[in-house]
């Protein structure tokens, strides 16, 4: 089992690792929707890049998330963490 140093990059590092090792495995199911580790990582990366490049979000900035119940919530949460 891989261990991680405790810092603000723990969750994104774990997601990157899981996407490499479990890529096509299902991370979460909600109703008929399924989200794989790889799709989650790709979506999180898109959101992270958008926040940084387009909105100039910096470390420690607050980012609000308003979504109905859906798998996109996970993209948003992991994207903000990245």
N, C-alpha and C. Protein backbone atom coordinates (compact mmCIF):
# COMPACT_ATOMS: atom_id res chain seq x y z
N UNK A 1 0.83 -1.18 0.00
CA UNK A 1 0.00 0.00 0.00
C UNK A 1 0.88 1.24 0.00
N UNK A 2 0.54 2.19 -0.87
CA UNK A 2 1.30 3.42 -0.97
C UNK A 2 0.90 4.36 0.16
N UNK A 3 1.87 5.05 0.73
CA UNK A 3 1.57 6.05 1.76
C UNK A 3 1.80 7.44 1.16
N UNK A 4 1.16 8.42 1.74
CA UNK A 4 1.24 9.79 1.26
C UNK A 4 1.64 10.70 2.40
N UNK A 5 2.48 11.68 2.10
CA UNK A 5 2.80 12.70 3.09
C UNK A 5 1.56 13.56 3.31
N UNK A 6 1.35 13.98 4.54
CA UNK A 6 0.20 14.83 4.82
C UNK A 6 0.47 16.25 4.35
N UNK A 7 -0.27 16.65 3.34
CA UNK A 7 -0.21 18.03 2.84
C UNK A 7 -1.47 18.30 2.04
N UNK A 8 -1.57 19.47 1.45
CA UNK A 8 -2.79 19.83 0.73
C UNK A 8 -2.92 19.15 -0.63
N UNK A 9 -1.96 18.34 -1.04
CA UNK A 9 -2.01 17.63 -2.31
C UNK A 9 -2.41 16.17 -2.16
N UNK A 10 -2.78 15.74 -0.98
CA UNK A 10 -3.05 14.33 -0.76
C UNK A 10 -4.19 13.81 -1.64
N UNK A 11 -5.36 14.45 -1.61
CA UNK A 11 -6.49 13.96 -2.38
C UNK A 11 -6.21 13.93 -3.88
N UNK A 12 -5.67 15.00 -4.47
CA UNK A 12 -5.35 14.94 -5.90
C UNK A 12 -4.33 13.86 -6.24
N UNK A 13 -3.33 13.64 -5.38
CA UNK A 13 -2.33 12.60 -5.64
C UNK A 13 -2.96 11.22 -5.61
N UNK A 14 -3.83 11.00 -4.66
CA UNK A 14 -4.51 9.70 -4.57
C UNK A 14 -5.36 9.48 -5.81
N UNK A 15 -6.10 10.51 -6.23
CA UNK A 15 -6.94 10.37 -7.42
C UNK A 15 -6.09 10.06 -8.65
N UNK A 16 -4.98 10.76 -8.83
CA UNK A 16 -4.09 10.48 -9.97
C UNK A 16 -3.62 9.03 -9.94
N UNK A 17 -3.22 8.55 -8.78
CA UNK A 17 -2.76 7.16 -8.64
C UNK A 17 -3.88 6.17 -8.95
N UNK A 18 -5.05 6.43 -8.40
CA UNK A 18 -6.19 5.52 -8.62
C UNK A 18 -6.61 5.51 -10.08
N UNK A 19 -6.56 6.65 -10.74
CA UNK A 19 -6.93 6.71 -12.15
C UNK A 19 -5.96 5.87 -12.99
N UNK A 20 -4.69 5.86 -12.60
CA UNK A 20 -3.70 5.04 -13.32
C UNK A 20 -3.92 3.55 -13.08
N UNK A 21 -4.25 3.19 -11.85
CA UNK A 21 -4.34 1.76 -11.52
C UNK A 21 -5.75 1.18 -11.70
N UNK A 22 -6.78 2.00 -11.54
CA UNK A 22 -8.16 1.50 -11.60
C UNK A 22 -8.97 2.19 -12.69
N UNK A 23 -8.31 2.80 -13.64
CA UNK A 23 -8.91 3.65 -14.66
C UNK A 23 -10.35 3.39 -15.06
N UNK A 24 -10.66 2.19 -15.52
CA UNK A 24 -12.01 1.93 -16.04
C UNK A 24 -12.95 1.34 -14.98
N UNK A 25 -12.51 1.24 -13.76
CA UNK A 25 -13.36 0.77 -12.67
C UNK A 25 -14.29 1.90 -12.22
N UNK A 26 -15.47 1.53 -11.77
CA UNK A 26 -16.47 2.52 -11.37
C UNK A 26 -16.11 3.11 -10.01
N UNK A 27 -16.05 4.43 -9.96
CA UNK A 27 -15.81 5.16 -8.71
C UNK A 27 -17.12 5.37 -7.97
N UNK A 28 -18.15 5.78 -8.71
CA UNK A 28 -19.46 6.03 -8.09
C UNK A 28 -20.56 5.80 -9.11
N UNK A 29 -21.72 5.36 -8.60
CA UNK A 29 -22.93 5.23 -9.41
C UNK A 29 -24.00 6.10 -8.79
N UNK A 30 -24.74 6.78 -9.64
CA UNK A 30 -25.88 7.55 -9.18
C UNK A 30 -26.98 7.38 -10.21
N UNK A 31 -28.05 6.75 -9.80
CA UNK A 31 -29.14 6.39 -10.71
C UNK A 31 -28.56 5.61 -11.88
N UNK A 32 -28.74 6.11 -13.11
CA UNK A 32 -28.19 5.38 -14.28
C UNK A 32 -26.77 5.80 -14.62
N UNK A 33 -26.27 6.83 -13.97
CA UNK A 33 -24.94 7.35 -14.29
C UNK A 33 -23.86 6.57 -13.56
N UNK A 34 -22.75 6.38 -14.25
CA UNK A 34 -21.55 5.78 -13.65
C UNK A 34 -20.38 6.67 -13.96
N UNK A 35 -19.48 6.75 -13.01
CA UNK A 35 -18.28 7.57 -13.18
C UNK A 35 -17.08 6.71 -12.84
N UNK A 36 -16.19 6.52 -13.82
CA UNK A 36 -14.99 5.74 -13.59
C UNK A 36 -13.91 6.63 -12.98
N UNK A 37 -12.89 6.00 -12.44
CA UNK A 37 -11.76 6.74 -11.87
C UNK A 37 -11.11 7.62 -12.94
N UNK A 38 -10.95 7.07 -14.14
CA UNK A 38 -10.32 7.82 -15.22
C UNK A 38 -11.17 9.02 -15.63
N UNK A 39 -12.47 8.82 -15.79
CA UNK A 39 -13.37 9.92 -16.16
C UNK A 39 -13.41 10.97 -15.06
N UNK A 40 -13.40 10.54 -13.82
CA UNK A 40 -13.37 11.48 -12.70
C UNK A 40 -12.10 12.33 -12.75
N UNK A 41 -10.97 11.69 -12.96
CA UNK A 41 -9.70 12.41 -13.01
C UNK A 41 -9.67 13.39 -14.18
N UNK A 42 -10.15 12.97 -15.34
CA UNK A 42 -10.17 13.86 -16.50
C UNK A 42 -11.08 15.06 -16.27
N UNK A 43 -12.26 14.81 -15.71
CA UNK A 43 -13.18 15.91 -15.41
C UNK A 43 -12.62 16.86 -14.37
N UNK A 44 -12.00 16.30 -13.34
CA UNK A 44 -11.39 17.13 -12.29
C UNK A 44 -10.27 17.98 -12.88
N UNK A 45 -9.47 17.41 -13.77
CA UNK A 45 -8.39 18.17 -14.40
C UNK A 45 -8.94 19.30 -15.26
N UNK A 46 -10.03 19.05 -15.99
CA UNK A 46 -10.65 20.11 -16.80
C UNK A 46 -11.11 21.27 -15.91
N UNK A 47 -11.76 20.93 -14.81
CA UNK A 47 -12.25 21.98 -13.90
C UNK A 47 -11.08 22.72 -13.26
N UNK A 48 -10.07 21.99 -12.81
CA UNK A 48 -8.91 22.63 -12.20
C UNK A 48 -8.24 23.59 -13.18
N UNK A 49 -8.06 23.16 -14.40
CA UNK A 49 -7.43 24.02 -15.41
C UNK A 49 -8.28 25.25 -15.70
N UNK A 50 -9.60 25.08 -15.77
CA UNK A 50 -10.50 26.21 -16.00
C UNK A 50 -10.40 27.21 -14.85
N UNK A 51 -10.44 26.71 -13.63
CA UNK A 51 -10.37 27.60 -12.47
C UNK A 51 -9.07 28.40 -12.45
N UNK A 52 -7.98 27.73 -12.78
CA UNK A 52 -6.67 28.39 -12.73
C UNK A 52 -6.48 29.34 -13.91
N UNK A 53 -6.75 28.85 -15.11
CA UNK A 53 -6.44 29.64 -16.31
C UNK A 53 -7.48 30.71 -16.63
N UNK A 54 -8.74 30.35 -16.50
CA UNK A 54 -9.80 31.28 -16.90
C UNK A 54 -10.27 32.19 -15.77
N UNK A 55 -10.29 31.69 -14.55
CA UNK A 55 -10.81 32.48 -13.43
C UNK A 55 -9.72 32.95 -12.48
N UNK A 56 -8.47 32.58 -12.76
CA UNK A 56 -7.32 33.00 -11.96
C UNK A 56 -7.47 32.64 -10.47
N UNK A 57 -8.04 31.48 -10.21
CA UNK A 57 -8.19 31.01 -8.83
C UNK A 57 -6.82 30.61 -8.31
N UNK A 58 -6.52 31.05 -7.11
CA UNK A 58 -5.24 30.76 -6.46
C UNK A 58 -5.46 29.86 -5.25
N UNK A 59 -4.37 29.28 -4.77
CA UNK A 59 -4.39 28.47 -3.56
C UNK A 59 -5.01 29.29 -2.43
N UNK A 60 -5.86 28.66 -1.65
CA UNK A 60 -6.56 29.26 -0.52
C UNK A 60 -7.76 30.13 -0.92
N UNK A 61 -8.02 30.33 -2.22
CA UNK A 61 -9.24 31.03 -2.63
C UNK A 61 -10.44 30.13 -2.34
N UNK A 62 -11.55 30.75 -2.08
CA UNK A 62 -12.78 29.99 -1.84
C UNK A 62 -13.52 29.82 -3.16
N UNK A 63 -14.04 28.61 -3.38
CA UNK A 63 -14.79 28.31 -4.59
C UNK A 63 -16.09 27.65 -4.17
N UNK A 64 -17.19 28.22 -4.60
CA UNK A 64 -18.51 27.67 -4.27
C UNK A 64 -18.94 26.65 -5.31
N UNK A 65 -19.68 25.64 -4.87
CA UNK A 65 -20.22 24.63 -5.77
C UNK A 65 -21.72 24.54 -5.54
N UNK A 66 -22.48 24.74 -6.60
CA UNK A 66 -23.92 24.60 -6.53
C UNK A 66 -24.35 23.65 -7.64
N UNK A 67 -24.72 22.46 -7.26
CA UNK A 67 -25.13 21.44 -8.21
C UNK A 67 -26.27 20.64 -7.62
N UNK A 68 -27.12 20.13 -8.48
CA UNK A 68 -28.10 19.16 -8.01
C UNK A 68 -27.38 17.83 -7.82
N UNK A 69 -28.05 16.88 -7.25
CA UNK A 69 -27.42 15.57 -7.04
C UNK A 69 -27.06 14.95 -8.38
N UNK A 70 -25.77 14.77 -8.60
CA UNK A 70 -25.29 14.17 -9.84
C UNK A 70 -23.82 13.83 -9.68
N UNK A 71 -23.29 13.05 -10.60
CA UNK A 71 -21.89 12.66 -10.52
C UNK A 71 -20.96 13.83 -10.78
N UNK A 72 -21.45 14.92 -11.39
CA UNK A 72 -20.61 16.09 -11.64
C UNK A 72 -20.12 16.73 -10.35
N UNK A 73 -20.82 16.48 -9.26
CA UNK A 73 -20.38 16.99 -7.96
C UNK A 73 -18.95 16.52 -7.67
N UNK A 74 -18.66 15.27 -8.00
CA UNK A 74 -17.32 14.72 -7.73
C UNK A 74 -16.27 15.39 -8.61
N UNK A 75 -16.61 15.67 -9.88
CA UNK A 75 -15.68 16.41 -10.74
C UNK A 75 -15.35 17.75 -10.09
N UNK A 76 -16.37 18.43 -9.62
CA UNK A 76 -16.16 19.75 -9.02
C UNK A 76 -15.30 19.68 -7.77
N UNK A 77 -15.60 18.77 -6.87
CA UNK A 77 -14.86 18.68 -5.62
C UNK A 77 -13.40 18.33 -5.85
N UNK A 78 -13.14 17.35 -6.69
CA UNK A 78 -11.75 16.97 -6.95
C UNK A 78 -11.05 18.04 -7.78
N UNK A 79 -11.75 18.69 -8.71
CA UNK A 79 -11.16 19.76 -9.50
C UNK A 79 -10.73 20.93 -8.64
N UNK A 80 -11.55 21.29 -7.66
CA UNK A 80 -11.21 22.37 -6.74
C UNK A 80 -9.99 21.98 -5.89
N UNK A 81 -9.95 20.73 -5.47
CA UNK A 81 -8.82 20.27 -4.67
C UNK A 81 -7.51 20.29 -5.45
N UNK A 82 -7.59 20.04 -6.75
CA UNK A 82 -6.38 20.05 -7.57
C UNK A 82 -5.90 21.46 -7.77
